[in-house]
């Protein structure tokens, strides 16, 4: 399934179904090594140097390098950490003049794995930024799904 995203009133909503259990998806969303492995693509940008203090009030940050060589940073603070059901944090990217928004992941167990819903708020009067962010979340969720599903398949193929 491809990711879907919509923008309404300054809120971006994106959703995808991933063939992996919620704890696996949550781990991929919160482990610095895994985040660097899947968040980005060589033809757009690659993330690196993730630091994570995974607790309410804990800080997180990452760097990224665009395909054109441009450098970017992003950081925030965890608001809610409820593995493997919910993760909420602030989002402060350099490419958006460090505007602070909030990202919420809701992970729901389904028969085939996990339904991941992202709600990204704080774009009230910035419709263009919200639209671009919605498109970005579709790509990001697809990268996450490819990564976790590839990991699941490789584990299934391991001899016992």
N, C-alpha and C. Protein backbone atom coordinates (compact mmCIF):
# COMPACT_ATOMS: atom_id res chain seq x y z
N UNK A 1 0.84 -1.18 0.00
CA UNK A 1 0.00 0.00 0.00
C UNK A 1 0.87 1.24 0.00
N UNK A 2 0.52 2.18 -0.80
CA UNK A 2 1.23 3.46 -0.84
C UNK A 2 0.71 4.36 0.27
N UNK A 3 1.56 5.26 0.70
CA UNK A 3 1.17 6.22 1.73
C UNK A 3 0.19 7.23 1.14
N UNK A 4 -0.74 7.66 1.97
CA UNK A 4 -1.70 8.69 1.59
C UNK A 4 -1.47 9.89 2.50
N UNK A 5 -1.62 11.10 1.96
CA UNK A 5 -1.48 12.30 2.78
C UNK A 5 -2.52 13.32 2.37
N UNK A 6 -3.01 14.06 3.35
CA UNK A 6 -3.94 15.15 3.07
C UNK A 6 -3.59 16.33 3.97
N UNK A 7 -3.99 17.51 3.52
CA UNK A 7 -3.74 18.73 4.29
C UNK A 7 -5.07 19.44 4.47
N UNK A 8 -5.38 19.77 5.72
CA UNK A 8 -6.63 20.47 6.00
C UNK A 8 -6.42 21.42 7.17
N UNK A 9 -6.61 22.69 6.94
CA UNK A 9 -6.53 23.68 8.01
C UNK A 9 -5.20 23.72 8.74
N UNK A 10 -4.11 23.54 8.04
CA UNK A 10 -2.80 23.59 8.68
C UNK A 10 -2.39 22.30 9.35
N UNK A 11 -3.13 21.23 9.11
CA UNK A 11 -2.79 19.91 9.67
C UNK A 11 -2.53 18.94 8.52
N UNK A 12 -1.40 18.25 8.60
CA UNK A 12 -1.06 17.23 7.62
C UNK A 12 -1.38 15.87 8.24
N UNK A 13 -2.11 15.04 7.51
CA UNK A 13 -2.37 13.67 7.96
C UNK A 13 -1.85 12.73 6.89
N UNK A 14 -1.08 11.74 7.31
CA UNK A 14 -0.55 10.75 6.38
C UNK A 14 -0.72 9.37 7.02
N UNK A 15 -0.92 8.37 6.18
CA UNK A 15 -1.17 7.02 6.69
C UNK A 15 -0.59 5.98 5.75
N UNK A 16 -0.13 4.87 6.35
CA UNK A 16 0.35 3.75 5.57
C UNK A 16 0.15 2.47 6.37
N UNK A 17 -0.04 1.36 5.69
CA UNK A 17 -0.07 0.05 6.33
C UNK A 17 1.26 -0.62 6.04
N UNK A 18 1.89 -1.12 7.09
CA UNK A 18 3.23 -1.71 7.00
C UNK A 18 3.16 -3.16 7.44
N UNK A 19 3.76 -4.03 6.66
CA UNK A 19 3.77 -5.46 6.98
C UNK A 19 4.87 -5.77 7.99
N UNK A 20 4.71 -5.24 9.18
CA UNK A 20 5.61 -5.48 10.31
C UNK A 20 4.84 -5.12 11.57
N UNK A 21 5.15 -5.78 12.69
CA UNK A 21 4.40 -5.49 13.92
C UNK A 21 4.72 -4.09 14.47
N UNK A 22 3.82 -3.52 15.27
CA UNK A 22 4.03 -2.18 15.80
C UNK A 22 5.36 -1.99 16.54
N UNK A 23 5.80 -2.99 17.32
CA UNK A 23 7.06 -2.79 18.04
C UNK A 23 8.24 -2.65 17.08
N UNK A 24 8.20 -3.34 15.96
CA UNK A 24 9.27 -3.23 14.95
C UNK A 24 9.24 -1.85 14.30
N UNK A 25 8.04 -1.37 13.97
CA UNK A 25 7.90 -0.05 13.35
C UNK A 25 8.33 1.03 14.34
N UNK A 26 7.91 0.91 15.59
CA UNK A 26 8.29 1.89 16.61
C UNK A 26 9.81 1.94 16.75
N UNK A 27 10.46 0.78 16.76
CA UNK A 27 11.92 0.72 16.85
C UNK A 27 12.57 1.45 15.67
N UNK A 28 12.04 1.25 14.48
CA UNK A 28 12.59 1.92 13.29
C UNK A 28 12.41 3.43 13.36
N UNK A 29 11.41 3.90 14.10
CA UNK A 29 11.15 5.33 14.26
C UNK A 29 11.98 5.97 15.37
N UNK A 30 12.62 5.15 16.20
CA UNK A 30 13.28 5.70 17.38
C UNK A 30 14.73 5.27 17.56
N UNK A 31 15.24 4.43 16.70
CA UNK A 31 16.62 3.97 16.81
C UNK A 31 17.50 4.78 15.85
N UNK A 32 18.53 5.47 16.36
CA UNK A 32 19.35 6.33 15.49
C UNK A 32 19.97 5.62 14.29
N UNK A 33 20.44 4.41 14.47
CA UNK A 33 21.07 3.66 13.38
C UNK A 33 20.04 3.33 12.31
N UNK A 34 18.88 2.89 12.75
CA UNK A 34 17.83 2.56 11.78
C UNK A 34 17.32 3.80 11.06
N UNK A 35 17.11 4.89 11.78
CA UNK A 35 16.64 6.12 11.14
C UNK A 35 17.58 6.55 10.03
N UNK A 36 18.87 6.50 10.29
CA UNK A 36 19.86 6.89 9.27
C UNK A 36 19.83 5.93 8.08
N UNK A 37 19.46 4.67 8.33
CA UNK A 37 19.43 3.68 7.25
C UNK A 37 18.27 3.90 6.30
N UNK A 38 17.14 4.38 6.80
CA UNK A 38 15.96 4.44 5.92
C UNK A 38 15.45 5.85 5.61
N UNK A 39 15.72 6.84 6.43
CA UNK A 39 15.11 8.15 6.23
C UNK A 39 15.92 8.94 5.21
N UNK A 40 15.52 8.86 3.97
CA UNK A 40 16.15 9.58 2.88
C UNK A 40 16.45 8.65 1.71
N UNK A 41 16.86 9.26 0.62
CA UNK A 41 17.29 8.50 -0.56
C UNK A 41 18.39 9.30 -1.24
N UNK A 42 19.28 8.61 -1.93
CA UNK A 42 20.43 9.27 -2.53
C UNK A 42 20.05 10.34 -3.55
N UNK A 43 18.90 10.20 -4.19
CA UNK A 43 18.51 11.19 -5.20
C UNK A 43 17.79 12.41 -4.61
N UNK A 44 17.52 12.40 -3.30
CA UNK A 44 16.85 13.54 -2.65
C UNK A 44 17.70 14.12 -1.53
N UNK A 45 17.85 13.35 -0.46
CA UNK A 45 18.68 13.72 0.68
C UNK A 45 18.90 12.48 1.53
N UNK A 46 19.94 12.49 2.35
CA UNK A 46 20.20 11.41 3.28
C UNK A 46 20.33 12.01 4.68
N UNK A 47 19.74 11.36 5.67
CA UNK A 47 19.89 11.80 7.05
C UNK A 47 21.06 11.08 7.69
N UNK A 48 21.63 11.72 8.71
CA UNK A 48 22.76 11.11 9.42
C UNK A 48 22.90 11.79 10.78
N UNK A 49 23.76 11.24 11.60
CA UNK A 49 24.07 11.80 12.93
C UNK A 49 22.82 12.04 13.78
N UNK A 50 21.96 11.03 13.82
CA UNK A 50 20.78 11.11 14.68
C UNK A 50 21.21 10.99 16.13
N UNK A 51 20.70 11.84 17.00
CA UNK A 51 20.87 11.70 18.44
C UNK A 51 19.47 11.69 19.05
N UNK A 52 19.26 10.78 19.99
CA UNK A 52 17.92 10.59 20.54
C UNK A 52 18.00 10.35 22.04
N UNK A 53 17.23 11.11 22.80
CA UNK A 53 17.01 10.90 24.23
C UNK A 53 15.52 10.59 24.36
N UNK A 54 15.18 9.32 24.21
CA UNK A 54 13.80 8.87 24.04
C UNK A 54 13.03 8.84 25.36
N UNK A 55 12.56 10.02 25.77
CA UNK A 55 11.74 10.16 26.97
C UNK A 55 11.04 11.51 26.87
N UNK A 56 9.87 11.65 27.50
CA UNK A 56 9.23 12.97 27.49
C UNK A 56 10.19 14.03 28.02
N UNK A 57 10.36 15.10 27.26
CA UNK A 57 11.32 16.15 27.61
C UNK A 57 12.70 15.92 27.03
N UNK A 58 12.94 14.71 26.51
CA UNK A 58 14.24 14.40 25.90
C UNK A 58 14.35 15.06 24.53
N UNK A 59 15.57 15.40 24.17
CA UNK A 59 15.83 16.07 22.89
C UNK A 59 16.22 15.05 21.83
N UNK A 60 16.00 15.43 20.58
CA UNK A 60 16.45 14.63 19.44
C UNK A 60 16.97 15.59 18.37
N UNK A 61 17.84 15.09 17.50
CA UNK A 61 18.34 15.91 16.40
C UNK A 61 18.89 15.00 15.31
N UNK A 62 19.00 15.57 14.11
CA UNK A 62 19.58 14.86 12.97
C UNK A 62 20.13 15.89 12.00
N UNK A 63 21.05 15.44 11.17
CA UNK A 63 21.58 16.24 10.07
C UNK A 63 21.16 15.57 8.77
N UNK A 64 21.17 16.34 7.70
CA UNK A 64 20.85 15.77 6.39
C UNK A 64 21.72 16.46 5.35
N UNK A 65 21.98 15.73 4.28
CA UNK A 65 22.72 16.29 3.15
C UNK A 65 21.88 16.08 1.91
N UNK A 66 21.56 17.17 1.23
CA UNK A 66 20.78 17.10 0.01
C UNK A 66 21.59 16.48 -1.13
N UNK A 67 20.90 15.99 -2.14
CA UNK A 67 21.57 15.41 -3.31
C UNK A 67 22.49 16.45 -3.97
N UNK A 68 22.17 17.73 -3.78
CA UNK A 68 22.98 18.81 -4.34
C UNK A 68 24.13 19.21 -3.41
N UNK A 69 24.27 18.52 -2.27
CA UNK A 69 25.34 18.81 -1.32
C UNK A 69 24.95 19.76 -0.21
N UNK A 70 23.75 20.30 -0.25
CA UNK A 70 23.32 21.26 0.78
C UNK A 70 23.17 20.56 2.14
N UNK A 71 23.51 21.28 3.19
CA UNK A 71 23.42 20.74 4.55
C UNK A 71 22.16 21.27 5.22
N UNK A 72 21.51 20.40 5.99
CA UNK A 72 20.30 20.75 6.71
C UNK A 72 20.37 20.14 8.11
N UNK A 73 19.63 20.73 9.04
CA UNK A 73 19.52 20.17 10.38
C UNK A 73 18.06 20.17 10.79
N UNK A 74 17.77 19.34 11.76
CA UNK A 74 16.42 19.28 12.33
C UNK A 74 16.55 18.80 13.76
N UNK A 75 15.69 19.32 14.62
CA UNK A 75 15.72 18.88 16.01
C UNK A 75 14.34 19.06 16.62
N UNK A 76 14.22 18.63 17.85
CA UNK A 76 12.97 18.77 18.57
C UNK A 76 13.06 18.16 19.94
N UNK A 77 11.89 18.04 20.56
CA UNK A 77 11.79 17.49 21.91
C UNK A 77 10.62 16.51 21.96
N UNK A 78 10.85 15.39 22.63
CA UNK A 78 9.79 14.40 22.78
C UNK A 78 8.74 14.89 23.78
N UNK A 79 7.49 14.76 23.39
CA UNK A 79 6.37 15.15 24.24
C UNK A 79 5.73 13.92 24.86
N UNK A 80 5.52 12.88 24.05
CA UNK A 80 4.91 11.64 24.53
C UNK A 80 5.64 10.46 23.91
N UNK A 81 5.99 9.49 24.75
CA UNK A 81 6.66 8.26 24.31
C UNK A 81 5.90 7.10 24.93
N UNK A 82 5.13 6.38 24.12
CA UNK A 82 4.29 5.27 24.58
C UNK A 82 4.48 4.08 23.64
N UNK A 83 5.63 3.38 23.77
CA UNK A 83 5.91 2.29 22.83
C UNK A 83 4.95 1.12 23.02
N UNK A 84 4.52 0.45 21.99
CA UNK A 84 4.70 0.79 20.58
C UNK A 84 3.46 1.46 19.98
N UNK A 85 2.74 2.23 20.79
CA UNK A 85 1.47 2.80 20.33
C UNK A 85 1.55 4.24 19.84
N UNK A 86 2.34 5.07 20.51
CA UNK A 86 2.32 6.49 20.16
C UNK A 86 3.68 7.13 20.42
N UNK A 87 3.99 8.09 19.55
CA UNK A 87 5.19 8.90 19.69
C UNK A 87 4.83 10.31 19.24
N UNK A 88 5.13 11.31 20.09
CA UNK A 88 4.82 12.69 19.76
C UNK A 88 6.06 13.53 20.06
N UNK A 89 6.43 14.40 19.11
CA UNK A 89 7.58 15.28 19.33
C UNK A 89 7.44 16.57 18.54
N UNK A 90 8.22 17.57 18.95
CA UNK A 90 8.27 18.80 18.18
C UNK A 90 9.27 18.61 17.04
N UNK A 91 9.09 19.40 16.00
CA UNK A 91 9.83 19.29 14.74
C UNK A 91 10.28 20.70 14.37
N UNK A 92 11.61 20.93 14.29
CA UNK A 92 12.15 22.26 14.05
C UNK A 92 13.24 22.18 12.97
N UNK A 93 12.85 22.27 11.69
CA UNK A 93 13.82 22.09 10.60
C UNK A 93 14.47 23.40 10.14
N UNK A 94 15.73 23.31 9.79
CA UNK A 94 16.45 24.48 9.29
C UNK A 94 15.86 24.97 7.97
N UNK A 95 15.35 24.07 7.14
CA UNK A 95 14.84 24.47 5.82
C UNK A 95 13.50 25.21 5.90
N UNK A 96 12.92 25.28 7.09
CA UNK A 96 11.66 26.01 7.27
C UNK A 96 11.86 27.11 8.33
N UNK A 97 13.04 27.73 8.31
CA UNK A 97 13.37 28.81 9.25
C UNK A 97 13.13 28.42 10.71
N UNK A 98 13.35 27.16 11.02
CA UNK A 98 13.22 26.63 12.38
C UNK A 98 11.83 26.81 12.97
N UNK A 99 10.82 26.85 12.11
CA UNK A 99 9.43 26.92 12.59
C UNK A 99 9.13 25.64 13.38
N UNK A 100 8.51 25.79 14.54
CA UNK A 100 8.21 24.64 15.39
C UNK A 100 6.81 24.12 15.09
N UNK A 101 6.74 22.84 14.76
CA UNK A 101 5.47 22.14 14.56
C UNK A 101 5.51 20.88 15.41
N UNK A 102 4.44 20.11 15.38
CA UNK A 102 4.36 18.90 16.21
C UNK A 102 4.00 17.70 15.33
N UNK A 103 4.73 16.61 15.53
CA UNK A 103 4.50 15.36 14.81
C UNK A 103 3.98 14.31 15.80
N UNK A 104 2.90 13.64 15.40
CA UNK A 104 2.34 12.57 16.23
C UNK A 104 2.22 11.32 15.37
N UNK A 105 2.80 10.21 15.85
CA UNK A 105 2.66 8.91 15.21
C UNK A 105 1.70 8.08 16.07
N UNK A 106 0.69 7.50 15.44
CA UNK A 106 -0.17 6.53 16.10
C UNK A 106 0.00 5.21 15.37
N UNK A 107 0.39 4.17 16.11
CA UNK A 107 0.62 2.85 15.54
C UNK A 107 -0.49 1.92 16.03
N UNK A 108 -1.19 1.31 15.09
CA UNK A 108 -2.30 0.42 15.40
C UNK A 108 -2.00 -0.95 14.82
N UNK A 109 -2.13 -1.97 15.65
CA UNK A 109 -1.94 -3.34 15.18
C UNK A 109 -3.12 -3.73 14.28
N UNK A 110 -2.80 -4.26 13.11
CA UNK A 110 -3.80 -4.78 12.18
C UNK A 110 -3.39 -6.19 11.78
N UNK A 111 -4.25 -6.89 11.12
CA UNK A 111 -3.98 -8.28 10.74
C UNK A 111 -2.68 -8.43 9.97
N UNK A 112 -2.40 -7.50 9.07
CA UNK A 112 -1.21 -7.61 8.23
C UNK A 112 0.02 -6.94 8.82
N UNK A 113 -0.10 -6.31 10.00
CA UNK A 113 1.06 -5.65 10.60
C UNK A 113 0.66 -4.41 11.39
N UNK A 114 0.96 -3.24 10.81
CA UNK A 114 0.74 -1.97 11.52
C UNK A 114 0.13 -0.94 10.59
N UNK A 115 -0.87 -0.24 11.10
CA UNK A 115 -1.34 0.97 10.42
C UNK A 115 -0.67 2.13 11.15
N UNK A 116 0.12 2.90 10.43
CA UNK A 116 0.81 4.05 10.99
C UNK A 116 0.15 5.32 10.48
N UNK A 117 -0.32 6.14 11.42
CA UNK A 117 -0.93 7.41 11.08
C UNK A 117 -0.04 8.52 11.63
N UNK A 118 0.30 9.46 10.77
CA UNK A 118 1.08 10.63 11.17
C UNK A 118 0.17 11.84 11.12
N UNK A 119 0.15 12.60 12.20
CA UNK A 119 -0.57 13.87 12.24
C UNK A 119 0.46 14.94 12.55
N UNK A 120 0.67 15.85 11.60
CA UNK A 120 1.69 16.89 11.74
C UNK A 120 0.95 18.23 11.79
N UNK A 121 1.00 18.90 12.95
CA UNK A 121 0.23 20.12 13.18
C UNK A 121 1.15 21.33 13.35
N UNK A 122 0.53 22.51 13.20
CA UNK A 122 1.25 23.74 13.46
C UNK A 122 1.50 24.59 12.23
N UNK A 123 0.81 24.29 11.14
CA UNK A 123 0.99 25.03 9.89
C UNK A 123 -0.12 26.05 9.65
N UNK A 124 -0.81 26.46 10.71
CA UNK A 124 -2.04 27.25 10.62
C UNK A 124 -2.12 28.21 9.44
N UNK A 125 -1.19 29.12 9.30
CA UNK A 125 -1.28 30.11 8.22
C UNK A 125 -0.19 29.90 7.17
N UNK A 126 0.30 28.68 7.07
CA UNK A 126 1.39 28.39 6.13
C UNK A 126 0.98 27.22 5.24
N UNK A 127 0.01 27.46 4.39
CA UNK A 127 -0.55 26.40 3.54
C UNK A 127 0.50 25.79 2.61
N UNK A 128 1.37 26.59 2.05
CA UNK A 128 2.40 26.06 1.13
C UNK A 128 3.34 25.12 1.87
N UNK A 129 3.76 25.50 3.08
CA UNK A 129 4.63 24.62 3.87
C UNK A 129 3.91 23.32 4.20
N UNK A 130 2.63 23.40 4.53
CA UNK A 130 1.86 22.20 4.85
C UNK A 130 1.74 21.27 3.65
N UNK A 131 1.49 21.83 2.48
CA UNK A 131 1.36 21.01 1.26
C UNK A 131 2.67 20.28 0.96
N UNK A 132 3.78 21.00 1.03
CA UNK A 132 5.08 20.37 0.79
C UNK A 132 5.38 19.30 1.82
N UNK A 133 5.01 19.56 3.06
CA UNK A 133 5.23 18.59 4.13
C UNK A 133 4.39 17.34 3.91
N UNK A 134 3.17 17.50 3.43
CA UNK A 134 2.32 16.35 3.13
C UNK A 134 2.95 15.45 2.09
N UNK A 135 3.49 16.05 1.04
CA UNK A 135 4.18 15.26 0.00
C UNK A 135 5.41 14.58 0.60
N UNK A 136 6.11 15.29 1.46
CA UNK A 136 7.29 14.72 2.11
C UNK A 136 6.94 13.52 2.97
N UNK A 137 5.85 13.61 3.73
CA UNK A 137 5.47 12.48 4.57
C UNK A 137 5.11 11.25 3.75
N UNK A 138 4.52 11.42 2.59
CA UNK A 138 4.24 10.24 1.75
C UNK A 138 5.54 9.51 1.43
N UNK A 139 6.56 10.25 1.01
CA UNK A 139 7.85 9.62 0.70
C UNK A 139 8.45 8.96 1.94
N UNK A 140 8.46 9.69 3.05
CA UNK A 140 9.08 9.17 4.27
C UNK A 140 8.40 7.88 4.72
N UNK A 141 7.08 7.85 4.70
CA UNK A 141 6.38 6.63 5.12
C UNK A 141 6.65 5.46 4.19
N UNK A 142 6.80 5.74 2.92
CA UNK A 142 7.13 4.66 1.98
C UNK A 142 8.54 4.14 2.22
N UNK A 143 9.49 5.03 2.52
CA UNK A 143 10.85 4.58 2.86
C UNK A 143 10.82 3.71 4.13
N UNK A 144 10.04 4.14 5.12
CA UNK A 144 9.93 3.38 6.36
C UNK A 144 9.33 2.00 6.09
N UNK A 145 8.26 1.94 5.31
CA UNK A 145 7.63 0.66 5.00
C UNK A 145 8.60 -0.26 4.27
N UNK A 146 9.31 0.26 3.28
CA UNK A 146 10.28 -0.56 2.55
C UNK A 146 11.34 -1.10 3.50
N UNK A 147 11.83 -0.27 4.40
CA UNK A 147 12.87 -0.68 5.34
C UNK A 147 12.38 -1.77 6.29
N UNK A 148 11.24 -1.55 6.93
CA UNK A 148 10.76 -2.52 7.92
C UNK A 148 10.32 -3.82 7.26
N UNK A 149 9.72 -3.72 6.08
CA UNK A 149 9.30 -4.94 5.39
C UNK A 149 10.51 -5.73 4.88
N UNK A 150 11.53 -5.02 4.41
CA UNK A 150 12.77 -5.70 3.98
C UNK A 150 13.41 -6.40 5.18
N UNK A 151 13.43 -5.75 6.32
CA UNK A 151 13.99 -6.34 7.54
C UNK A 151 13.20 -7.58 7.95
N UNK A 152 11.87 -7.50 7.86
CA UNK A 152 11.02 -8.64 8.21
C UNK A 152 11.30 -9.82 7.28
N UNK A 153 11.38 -9.54 5.97
CA UNK A 153 11.64 -10.62 5.00
C UNK A 153 13.01 -11.26 5.24
N UNK A 154 14.02 -10.46 5.52
CA UNK A 154 15.36 -11.03 5.72
C UNK A 154 15.40 -11.87 6.99
N UNK A 155 14.64 -11.50 8.01
CA UNK A 155 14.57 -12.32 9.22
C UNK A 155 13.81 -13.61 8.97
N UNK A 156 12.79 -13.58 8.12
CA UNK A 156 12.05 -14.80 7.80
C UNK A 156 12.91 -15.78 7.00
N UNK A 157 13.86 -15.25 6.25
CA UNK A 157 14.70 -16.09 5.40
C UNK A 157 15.89 -16.67 6.15
N UNK A 158 16.12 -16.24 7.39
CA UNK A 158 17.23 -16.77 8.18
C UNK A 158 16.93 -18.19 8.61
N UNK A 159 17.92 -19.10 8.51
CA UNK A 159 17.70 -20.48 8.97
C UNK A 159 17.56 -20.51 10.49
N UNK A 160 16.76 -21.44 10.98
CA UNK A 160 16.57 -21.56 12.43
C UNK A 160 17.69 -22.30 13.09
